[in-house]
Amino acid sequence: MKDHRILTQRQERAAEDELFEALQGLGSVSEYRAFFQDLCTPAELQAMKDRWAVVELLAEGLTYRAIHDQTGVSVTTIGRVARCLSDGAGGYRAALERFKK
């Protein structure tokens, strides 16, 4: 990721908090869709959709190869997602648990 910003760490954290608070204010899938379509390039949005699909398939117990064969996502990316599921910040896990309910 490029480090081109001249903001302090505190300002960066505040900007991040504002982004996440903006997300909390959205109330429907269609609002989320519109927000992410405006926020992300098509490639960025596709990468996020691919990673979420990998999260769900890993949770089902599929192998990396089976996930690759089903989604076309690289085994390297699948491995990264798997590491985040087991050793990450817990975001995937929290979203997955709430999504299942």
Protein backbone atom coordinates (compact mmCIF):
# COMPACT_ATOMS: atom_id res chain seq x y z
CA MET A 1 0.00 0.00 0.00
CA LYS A 2 1.32 3.42 -0.92
CA ASP A 3 2.26 5.69 1.94
CA HIS A 4 1.51 9.04 0.36
CA ARG A 5 -0.53 10.62 3.11
CA ILE A 6 0.75 13.36 5.33
CA LEU A 7 -1.71 12.74 8.14
CA THR A 8 -0.62 11.82 11.61
CA GLN A 9 -1.44 8.39 13.00
CA ARG A 10 -4.20 9.98 15.05
CA GLN A 11 -5.71 11.62 11.95
CA GLU A 12 -5.49 8.34 10.03
CA ARG A 13 -7.29 6.55 12.85
CA ALA A 14 -9.98 9.24 12.94
CA ALA A 15 -10.48 8.94 9.16
CA GLU A 16 -10.77 5.16 9.51
CA ASP A 17 -13.27 5.54 12.35
CA GLU A 18 -15.36 7.91 10.21
CA LEU A 19 -15.42 5.40 7.36
CA PHE A 20 -16.59 2.62 9.67
CA GLU A 21 -19.17 4.89 11.30
CA ALA A 22 -20.50 5.78 7.84
CA LEU A 23 -20.95 2.06 7.20
CA GLN A 24 -22.88 1.69 10.44
CA GLY A 25 -25.32 4.31 9.20
CA LEU A 26 -26.31 2.27 6.16
CA GLY A 27 -29.48 0.29 6.59
CA SER A 28 -29.93 -2.11 3.70
CA VAL A 29 -28.06 -4.35 1.29
CA SER A 30 -28.88 -1.95 -1.55
CA GLU A 31 -27.35 0.96 0.40
CA TYR A 32 -24.23 -1.10 1.12
CA ARG A 33 -24.03 -2.10 -2.56
CA ALA A 34 -24.25 1.53 -3.71
CA PHE A 35 -21.68 2.64 -1.15
CA PHE A 36 -19.15 -0.04 -2.11
CA GLN A 37 -19.72 0.54 -5.83
CA ASP A 38 -18.90 4.21 -5.27
CA LEU A 39 -16.00 3.51 -2.91
CA CYS A 40 -14.22 0.70 -4.76
CA THR A 41 -13.02 -0.02 -8.25
CA PRO A 42 -14.67 -3.03 -9.88
CA ALA A 43 -11.45 -5.02 -9.30
CA GLU A 44 -11.36 -4.09 -5.60
CA LEU A 45 -14.98 -5.07 -5.14
CA GLN A 46 -14.39 -8.37 -6.97
CA ALA A 47 -11.40 -9.11 -4.72
CA MET A 48 -13.54 -8.55 -1.63
CA LYS A 49 -16.32 -10.77 -2.98
CA ASP A 50 -13.78 -13.48 -3.81
CA ARG A 51 -12.28 -13.34 -0.32
CA TRP A 52 -15.69 -13.58 1.31
CA ALA A 53 -16.54 -16.60 -0.83
CA VAL A 54 -13.27 -18.18 0.33
CA VAL A 55 -14.17 -17.48 3.98
CA GLU A 56 -17.47 -19.30 3.59
CA LEU A 57 -15.91 -22.27 1.79
CA LEU A 58 -13.09 -22.58 4.33
CA ALA A 59 -15.72 -22.59 7.08
CA GLU A 60 -17.42 -25.48 5.27
CA GLY A 61 -14.13 -27.40 5.44
CA LEU A 62 -13.21 -27.42 1.76
CA THR A 63 -9.58 -27.86 0.79
CA TYR A 64 -7.59 -25.04 -0.81
CA ARG A 65 -7.55 -26.94 -4.10
CA ALA A 66 -11.32 -27.50 -4.03
CA ILE A 67 -11.88 -23.80 -3.28
CA HIS A 68 -9.55 -22.82 -6.12
CA ASP A 69 -11.33 -25.18 -8.51
CA GLN A 70 -14.74 -23.82 -7.49
CA THR A 71 -13.89 -20.10 -7.42
CA GLY A 72 -10.75 -19.54 -9.48
CA VAL A 73 -9.19 -17.71 -6.53
CA SER A 74 -5.46 -18.32 -6.26
CA VAL A 75 -4.19 -20.77 -3.66
CA THR A 76 -1.99 -17.94 -2.32
CA THR A 77 -5.03 -15.75 -1.66
CA ILE A 78 -6.88 -18.68 -0.13
CA GLY A 79 -3.93 -19.19 2.22
CA ARG A 80 -3.96 -15.52 3.20
CA VAL A 81 -7.67 -15.66 3.96
CA ALA A 82 -7.17 -18.85 5.98
CA ARG A 83 -4.41 -17.16 8.01
CA CYS A 84 -6.71 -14.22 8.72
CA LEU A 85 -9.44 -16.61 9.81
CA SER A 86 -7.14 -18.32 12.28
CA ASP A 87 -4.72 -15.56 13.33
CA GLY A 88 -6.24 -12.29 12.12
CA ALA A 89 -8.13 -9.53 13.88
CA GLY A 90 -11.30 -11.62 14.11
CA GLY A 91 -13.32 -9.69 11.56
CA TYR A 92 -13.96 -12.60 9.23
CA ARG A 93 -14.93 -14.82 12.13
CA ALA A 94 -17.34 -12.24 13.61
CA ALA A 95 -18.98 -11.60 10.25
CA LEU A 96 -19.24 -15.31 9.53
CA GLU A 97 -20.90 -16.03 12.88
CA ARG A 98 -23.41 -13.23 12.40
CA PHE A 99 -24.07 -14.19 8.79
CA LYS A 100 -24.91 -17.77 9.79
CA LYS A 101 -27.62 -16.62 12.24
